[in-house]
């Protein structure tokens, strides 16, 4: 397995930083829309259908915030491992993660084989 080259690391860092900035913009827009809707409490009434729709929208917004928070943590972790020099090393087998995988999934912490084994074990536990 090849070691990660400097050019690949630069590409990955740029992609992570762009993704981090994009997620920050999205979180700010979501927070702004939420604060705007909080300023208009009279619109939250309505019939049961309106209230159900508002409840579902709020649940979806909460799930999106959780997903964004999880992605932000993964990006921060990847940037930190880049800083300390351990980026691209599989946490399970300690082998280098192939550069193609890192370019495709810059927040990857497992090589493809270990990721598949982990997912297979989760599927078995659910069954």
N, C-alpha and C. Protein backbone atom coordinates (compact mmCIF):
# COMPACT_ATOMS: atom_id res chain seq x y z
N UNK A 1 0.84 -1.18 0.00
CA UNK A 1 0.00 0.00 0.00
C UNK A 1 0.89 1.24 0.00
N UNK A 2 0.51 2.22 -0.83
CA UNK A 2 1.30 3.45 -0.97
C UNK A 2 1.08 4.40 0.18
N UNK A 3 2.15 5.11 0.53
CA UNK A 3 2.06 6.17 1.53
C UNK A 3 1.46 7.41 0.85
N UNK A 4 0.81 8.22 1.64
CA UNK A 4 0.14 9.40 1.11
C UNK A 4 1.18 10.46 0.76
N UNK A 5 1.10 10.99 -0.45
CA UNK A 5 2.03 12.01 -0.89
C UNK A 5 1.61 13.41 -0.45
N UNK A 6 2.55 14.33 -0.50
CA UNK A 6 2.29 15.70 -0.09
C UNK A 6 1.21 16.39 -0.90
N UNK A 7 1.15 16.11 -2.20
CA UNK A 7 0.14 16.73 -3.06
C UNK A 7 -1.26 16.22 -2.69
N UNK A 8 -1.35 14.93 -2.38
CA UNK A 8 -2.64 14.37 -1.97
C UNK A 8 -3.07 14.99 -0.65
N UNK A 9 -2.13 15.13 0.28
CA UNK A 9 -2.46 15.73 1.57
C UNK A 9 -2.93 17.18 1.41
N UNK A 10 -2.32 17.90 0.50
CA UNK A 10 -2.74 19.29 0.24
C UNK A 10 -4.15 19.33 -0.31
N UNK A 11 -4.44 18.44 -1.27
CA UNK A 11 -5.79 18.37 -1.83
C UNK A 11 -6.82 18.03 -0.75
N UNK A 12 -6.48 17.06 0.09
CA UNK A 12 -7.40 16.63 1.14
C UNK A 12 -7.63 17.77 2.13
N UNK A 13 -6.56 18.44 2.54
CA UNK A 13 -6.70 19.56 3.48
C UNK A 13 -7.60 20.65 2.89
N UNK A 14 -7.38 20.99 1.63
CA UNK A 14 -8.20 22.02 0.98
C UNK A 14 -9.67 21.59 0.94
N UNK A 15 -9.90 20.35 0.61
CA UNK A 15 -11.27 19.84 0.54
C UNK A 15 -11.93 19.86 1.92
N UNK A 16 -11.20 19.44 2.94
CA UNK A 16 -11.74 19.46 4.30
C UNK A 16 -12.06 20.88 4.75
N UNK A 17 -11.15 21.80 4.46
CA UNK A 17 -11.38 23.20 4.86
C UNK A 17 -12.56 23.81 4.11
N UNK A 18 -12.71 23.47 2.82
CA UNK A 18 -13.86 23.96 2.05
C UNK A 18 -15.16 23.38 2.60
N UNK A 19 -15.13 22.10 2.90
CA UNK A 19 -16.32 21.45 3.45
C UNK A 19 -16.67 22.04 4.81
N UNK A 20 -15.66 22.29 5.62
CA UNK A 20 -15.88 22.89 6.94
C UNK A 20 -16.52 24.28 6.79
N UNK A 21 -16.01 25.08 5.88
CA UNK A 21 -16.56 26.42 5.66
C UNK A 21 -18.00 26.34 5.13
N UNK A 22 -18.26 25.40 4.23
CA UNK A 22 -19.60 25.23 3.70
C UNK A 22 -20.58 24.80 4.77
N UNK A 23 -20.16 23.92 5.64
CA UNK A 23 -21.05 23.48 6.73
C UNK A 23 -21.31 24.61 7.72
N UNK A 24 -20.31 25.44 7.94
CA UNK A 24 -20.50 26.58 8.83
C UNK A 24 -21.52 27.55 8.24
N UNK A 25 -21.40 27.82 6.93
CA UNK A 25 -22.38 28.69 6.27
C UNK A 25 -23.79 28.10 6.35
N UNK A 26 -23.90 26.80 6.15
CA UNK A 26 -25.20 26.14 6.20
C UNK A 26 -25.78 26.20 7.62
N UNK A 27 -24.95 25.98 8.61
CA UNK A 27 -25.40 26.04 10.01
C UNK A 27 -25.86 27.45 10.37
N UNK A 28 -25.12 28.44 9.89
CA UNK A 28 -25.51 29.83 10.16
C UNK A 28 -26.84 30.16 9.49
N UNK A 29 -27.04 29.69 8.27
CA UNK A 29 -28.30 29.94 7.57
C UNK A 29 -29.45 29.24 8.28
N UNK A 30 -29.22 28.03 8.77
CA UNK A 30 -30.24 27.29 9.50
C UNK A 30 -30.58 28.00 10.80
N UNK A 31 -29.56 28.47 11.49
CA UNK A 31 -29.79 29.21 12.75
C UNK A 31 -30.55 30.50 12.48
N UNK A 32 -30.22 31.17 11.39
CA UNK A 32 -30.90 32.41 11.03
C UNK A 32 -32.37 32.15 10.71
N UNK A 33 -32.64 31.10 9.95
CA UNK A 33 -34.03 30.80 9.61
C UNK A 33 -34.81 30.39 10.84
N UNK A 34 -34.14 29.70 11.75
CA UNK A 34 -34.80 29.29 13.00
C UNK A 34 -35.12 30.51 13.85
N UNK A 35 -34.17 31.45 13.96
CA UNK A 35 -34.41 32.64 14.77
C UNK A 35 -35.48 33.52 14.13
N UNK A 36 -35.54 33.55 12.81
CA UNK A 36 -36.57 34.31 12.12
C UNK A 36 -37.95 33.72 12.39
N UNK A 37 -38.06 32.40 12.36
CA UNK A 37 -39.35 31.77 12.63
C UNK A 37 -39.75 31.93 14.08
N UNK A 38 -38.79 32.05 14.98
CA UNK A 38 -39.09 32.28 16.40
C UNK A 38 -39.66 33.68 16.61
N UNK A 39 -39.34 34.61 15.72
CA UNK A 39 -39.85 35.97 15.84
C UNK A 39 -41.31 36.08 15.40
N UNK A 40 -41.80 35.04 14.75
CA UNK A 40 -43.17 35.06 14.23
C UNK A 40 -44.01 33.98 14.90
N UNK A 41 -44.23 34.06 16.22
CA UNK A 41 -44.92 32.99 16.93
C UNK A 41 -46.37 32.81 16.49
N UNK A 42 -47.01 33.84 15.96
CA UNK A 42 -48.40 33.71 15.55
C UNK A 42 -48.59 32.73 14.40
N UNK A 43 -47.55 32.45 13.66
CA UNK A 43 -47.65 31.54 12.52
C UNK A 43 -47.57 30.08 12.92
N UNK A 44 -47.27 29.81 14.18
CA UNK A 44 -47.10 28.43 14.60
C UNK A 44 -48.43 27.78 14.97
N UNK A 45 -49.55 28.54 14.97
CA UNK A 45 -50.86 27.99 15.29
C UNK A 45 -51.38 27.16 14.13
N UNK A 46 -52.65 27.34 13.84
CA UNK A 46 -53.22 26.62 12.72
C UNK A 46 -53.92 25.35 13.16
N UNK A 47 -54.42 24.64 12.18
CA UNK A 47 -55.14 23.41 12.50
C UNK A 47 -54.17 22.27 12.78
N UNK A 48 -54.72 21.09 12.98
CA UNK A 48 -53.88 19.92 13.33
C UNK A 48 -52.87 19.61 12.23
N UNK A 49 -53.29 19.76 10.98
CA UNK A 49 -52.38 19.47 9.86
C UNK A 49 -51.21 20.44 9.86
N UNK A 50 -51.49 21.72 10.12
CA UNK A 50 -50.42 22.72 10.18
C UNK A 50 -49.46 22.42 11.32
N UNK A 51 -50.01 22.05 12.45
CA UNK A 51 -49.19 21.74 13.62
C UNK A 51 -48.36 20.47 13.37
N UNK A 52 -48.95 19.48 12.71
CA UNK A 52 -48.22 18.25 12.39
C UNK A 52 -47.08 18.56 11.43
N UNK A 53 -47.38 19.38 10.43
CA UNK A 53 -46.35 19.77 9.46
C UNK A 53 -45.21 20.52 10.16
N UNK A 54 -45.55 21.43 11.06
CA UNK A 54 -44.54 22.19 11.80
C UNK A 54 -43.70 21.26 12.67
N UNK A 55 -44.35 20.27 13.27
CA UNK A 55 -43.64 19.32 14.13
C UNK A 55 -42.66 18.48 13.31
N UNK A 56 -43.10 18.01 12.16
CA UNK A 56 -42.22 17.21 11.29
C UNK A 56 -41.06 18.06 10.80
N UNK A 57 -41.35 19.30 10.41
CA UNK A 57 -40.28 20.20 9.95
C UNK A 57 -39.26 20.43 11.05
N UNK A 58 -39.74 20.60 12.29
CA UNK A 58 -38.83 20.80 13.42
C UNK A 58 -37.99 19.55 13.67
N UNK A 59 -38.58 18.37 13.56
CA UNK A 59 -37.83 17.12 13.75
C UNK A 59 -36.77 16.96 12.66
N UNK A 60 -37.13 17.27 11.42
CA UNK A 60 -36.16 17.18 10.33
C UNK A 60 -35.02 18.17 10.52
N UNK A 61 -35.34 19.36 10.99
CA UNK A 61 -34.32 20.37 11.25
C UNK A 61 -33.37 19.88 12.35
N UNK A 62 -33.94 19.26 13.38
CA UNK A 62 -33.12 18.73 14.47
C UNK A 62 -32.19 17.63 13.96
N UNK A 63 -32.71 16.74 13.12
CA UNK A 63 -31.88 15.67 12.55
C UNK A 63 -30.76 16.25 11.68
N UNK A 64 -31.08 17.28 10.91
CA UNK A 64 -30.07 17.93 10.07
C UNK A 64 -28.98 18.56 10.93
N UNK A 65 -29.38 19.20 12.02
CA UNK A 65 -28.38 19.79 12.93
C UNK A 65 -27.48 18.72 13.53
N UNK A 66 -28.06 17.59 13.91
CA UNK A 66 -27.25 16.49 14.46
C UNK A 66 -26.28 15.94 13.42
N UNK A 67 -26.77 15.78 12.19
CA UNK A 67 -25.92 15.27 11.11
C UNK A 67 -24.79 16.25 10.81
N UNK A 68 -25.12 17.53 10.79
CA UNK A 68 -24.10 18.56 10.55
C UNK A 68 -23.07 18.59 11.67
N UNK A 69 -23.52 18.42 12.90
CA UNK A 69 -22.62 18.42 14.04
C UNK A 69 -21.67 17.22 13.97
N UNK A 70 -22.21 16.07 13.61
CA UNK A 70 -21.38 14.87 13.48
C UNK A 70 -20.35 15.04 12.36
N UNK A 71 -20.77 15.59 11.24
CA UNK A 71 -19.85 15.82 10.13
C UNK A 71 -18.78 16.83 10.51
N UNK A 72 -19.17 17.86 11.25
CA UNK A 72 -18.20 18.88 11.68
C UNK A 72 -17.15 18.26 12.60
N UNK A 73 -17.58 17.37 13.48
CA UNK A 73 -16.61 16.68 14.36
C UNK A 73 -15.65 15.81 13.56
N UNK A 74 -16.17 15.13 12.54
CA UNK A 74 -15.32 14.28 11.70
C UNK A 74 -14.30 15.12 10.94
N UNK A 75 -14.72 16.27 10.45
CA UNK A 75 -13.81 17.17 9.73
C UNK A 75 -12.74 17.69 10.68
N UNK A 76 -13.15 18.12 11.86
CA UNK A 76 -12.18 18.61 12.86
C UNK A 76 -11.16 17.52 13.21
N UNK A 77 -11.65 16.29 13.37
CA UNK A 77 -10.74 15.17 13.70
C UNK A 77 -9.75 14.93 12.56
N UNK A 78 -10.25 14.98 11.32
CA UNK A 78 -9.36 14.77 10.17
C UNK A 78 -8.31 15.87 10.09
N UNK A 79 -8.73 17.12 10.30
CA UNK A 79 -7.76 18.23 10.27
C UNK A 79 -6.74 18.10 11.39
N UNK A 80 -7.18 17.64 12.55
CA UNK A 80 -6.25 17.45 13.66
C UNK A 80 -5.23 16.36 13.35
N UNK A 81 -5.69 15.23 12.77
CA UNK A 81 -4.75 14.17 12.43
C UNK A 81 -3.79 14.61 11.33
N UNK A 82 -4.25 15.51 10.45
CA UNK A 82 -3.33 16.07 9.46
C UNK A 82 -2.23 16.87 10.16
N UNK A 83 -2.62 17.64 11.17
CA UNK A 83 -1.66 18.47 11.91
C UNK A 83 -0.62 17.61 12.64
N UNK A 84 -1.05 16.52 13.26
CA UNK A 84 -0.13 15.72 14.06
C UNK A 84 0.59 14.65 13.26
N UNK A 85 0.21 14.52 11.97
CA UNK A 85 0.93 13.58 11.11
C UNK A 85 0.41 12.15 11.12
N UNK A 86 -0.78 11.93 11.66
CA UNK A 86 -1.32 10.56 11.68
C UNK A 86 -2.49 10.39 10.72
N UNK A 87 -2.71 11.37 9.85
CA UNK A 87 -3.82 11.29 8.90
C UNK A 87 -3.58 10.15 7.92
N UNK A 88 -4.66 9.44 7.62
CA UNK A 88 -4.59 8.39 6.61
C UNK A 88 -4.14 7.05 7.13
N UNK A 89 -4.09 6.89 8.44
CA UNK A 89 -3.74 5.61 9.04
C UNK A 89 -5.02 4.99 9.59
N UNK A 90 -5.32 3.77 9.18
CA UNK A 90 -6.54 3.09 9.63
C UNK A 90 -6.50 2.88 11.14
N UNK A 91 -7.56 3.27 11.81
CA UNK A 91 -7.61 3.13 13.27
C UNK A 91 -7.74 1.68 13.72
N UNK A 92 -8.15 0.81 12.80
CA UNK A 92 -8.34 -0.58 13.17
C UNK A 92 -7.09 -1.43 12.93
N UNK A 93 -6.54 -1.36 11.72
CA UNK A 93 -5.40 -2.23 11.38
C UNK A 93 -4.06 -1.49 11.34
N UNK A 94 -4.09 -0.18 11.49
CA UNK A 94 -2.89 0.67 11.48
C UNK A 94 -2.15 0.70 10.15
N UNK A 95 -2.81 0.27 9.10
CA UNK A 95 -2.21 0.33 7.76
C UNK A 95 -2.62 1.66 7.12
N UNK A 96 -1.83 2.14 6.14
CA UNK A 96 -2.22 3.37 5.44
C UNK A 96 -3.52 3.17 4.67
N UNK A 97 -4.38 4.18 4.74
CA UNK A 97 -5.61 4.17 3.95
C UNK A 97 -5.22 4.63 2.55
N UNK A 98 -5.66 3.93 1.51
CA UNK A 98 -5.26 4.31 0.15
C UNK A 98 -5.64 5.76 -0.18
N UNK A 99 -4.73 6.47 -0.87
CA UNK A 99 -5.00 7.87 -1.22
C UNK A 99 -6.32 8.06 -1.98
N UNK A 100 -6.68 7.12 -2.85
CA UNK A 100 -7.94 7.26 -3.60
C UNK A 100 -9.13 7.29 -2.66
N UNK A 101 -9.09 6.49 -1.60
CA UNK A 101 -10.19 6.49 -0.62
C UNK A 101 -10.22 7.81 0.13
N UNK A 102 -9.06 8.31 0.51
CA UNK A 102 -9.00 9.57 1.25
C UNK A 102 -9.47 10.75 0.40
N UNK A 103 -9.18 10.70 -0.90
CA UNK A 103 -9.66 11.77 -1.77
C UNK A 103 -11.18 11.68 -1.93
N UNK A 104 -11.70 10.46 -1.93
CA UNK A 104 -13.15 10.27 -2.05
C UNK A 104 -13.87 10.56 -0.75
N UNK A 105 -13.27 10.12 0.36
CA UNK A 105 -13.87 10.29 1.70
C UNK A 105 -12.79 10.83 2.63
N UNK A 106 -12.58 12.15 2.62
CA UNK A 106 -11.46 12.72 3.38
C UNK A 106 -11.56 12.52 4.89
N UNK A 107 -12.74 12.22 5.40
CA UNK A 107 -12.89 11.99 6.84
C UNK A 107 -12.78 10.51 7.21
N UNK A 108 -12.40 9.67 6.25
CA UNK A 108 -12.29 8.22 6.51
C UNK A 108 -11.27 7.96 7.61
N UNK A 109 -11.66 7.11 8.55
CA UNK A 109 -10.74 6.72 9.63
C UNK A 109 -10.40 5.24 9.56
N UNK A 110 -11.07 4.54 8.64
CA UNK A 110 -10.81 3.11 8.44
C UNK A 110 -10.54 2.86 6.97
N UNK A 111 -9.68 1.88 6.70
CA UNK A 111 -9.49 1.45 5.31
C UNK A 111 -10.77 0.74 4.86
N UNK A 112 -10.90 0.52 3.59
CA UNK A 112 -12.13 -0.07 3.06
C UNK A 112 -12.43 -1.44 3.68
N UNK A 113 -11.40 -2.25 3.82
CA UNK A 113 -11.59 -3.59 4.37
C UNK A 113 -12.10 -3.54 5.81
N UNK A 114 -11.50 -2.68 6.62
CA UNK A 114 -11.93 -2.56 8.03
C UNK A 114 -13.30 -1.92 8.12
N UNK A 115 -13.60 -0.97 7.23
CA UNK A 115 -14.92 -0.34 7.20
C UNK A 115 -15.99 -1.39 6.87
N UNK A 116 -15.70 -2.23 5.88
CA UNK A 116 -16.65 -3.28 5.50
C UNK A 116 -16.85 -4.28 6.63
N UNK A 117 -15.77 -4.64 7.33
CA UNK A 117 -15.88 -5.57 8.45
C UNK A 117 -16.71 -4.96 9.58
N UNK A 118 -16.51 -3.67 9.84
CA UNK A 118 -17.28 -2.98 10.88
C UNK A 118 -18.75 -2.95 10.52
N UNK A 119 -19.06 -2.60 9.27
CA UNK A 119 -20.45 -2.54 8.84
C UNK A 119 -21.10 -3.91 8.85
N UNK A 120 -20.34 -4.93 8.48
CA UNK A 120 -20.85 -6.30 8.50
C UNK A 120 -21.17 -6.74 9.93
N UNK A 121 -20.29 -6.38 10.87
CA UNK A 121 -20.52 -6.72 12.28
C UNK A 121 -21.76 -6.00 12.81
N UNK A 122 -21.96 -4.75 12.44
CA UNK A 122 -23.15 -4.00 12.88
C UNK A 122 -24.41 -4.65 12.33
N UNK A 123 -24.36 -5.07 11.06
CA UNK A 123 -25.52 -5.72 10.46
C UNK A 123 -25.85 -7.02 11.18
N UNK A 124 -24.83 -7.77 11.54
CA UNK A 124 -25.03 -9.03 12.25
C UNK A 124 -25.65 -8.78 13.63
N UNK A 125 -25.21 -7.73 14.30
CA UNK A 125 -25.74 -7.42 15.64
C UNK A 125 -27.21 -7.01 15.59
N UNK A 126 -27.61 -6.36 14.50
CA UNK A 126 -29.00 -5.91 14.36
C UNK A 126 -29.94 -7.05 14.03
N UNK A 127 -29.40 -8.09 13.42
CA UNK A 127 -30.25 -9.20 12.99
C UNK A 127 -30.70 -10.09 14.13
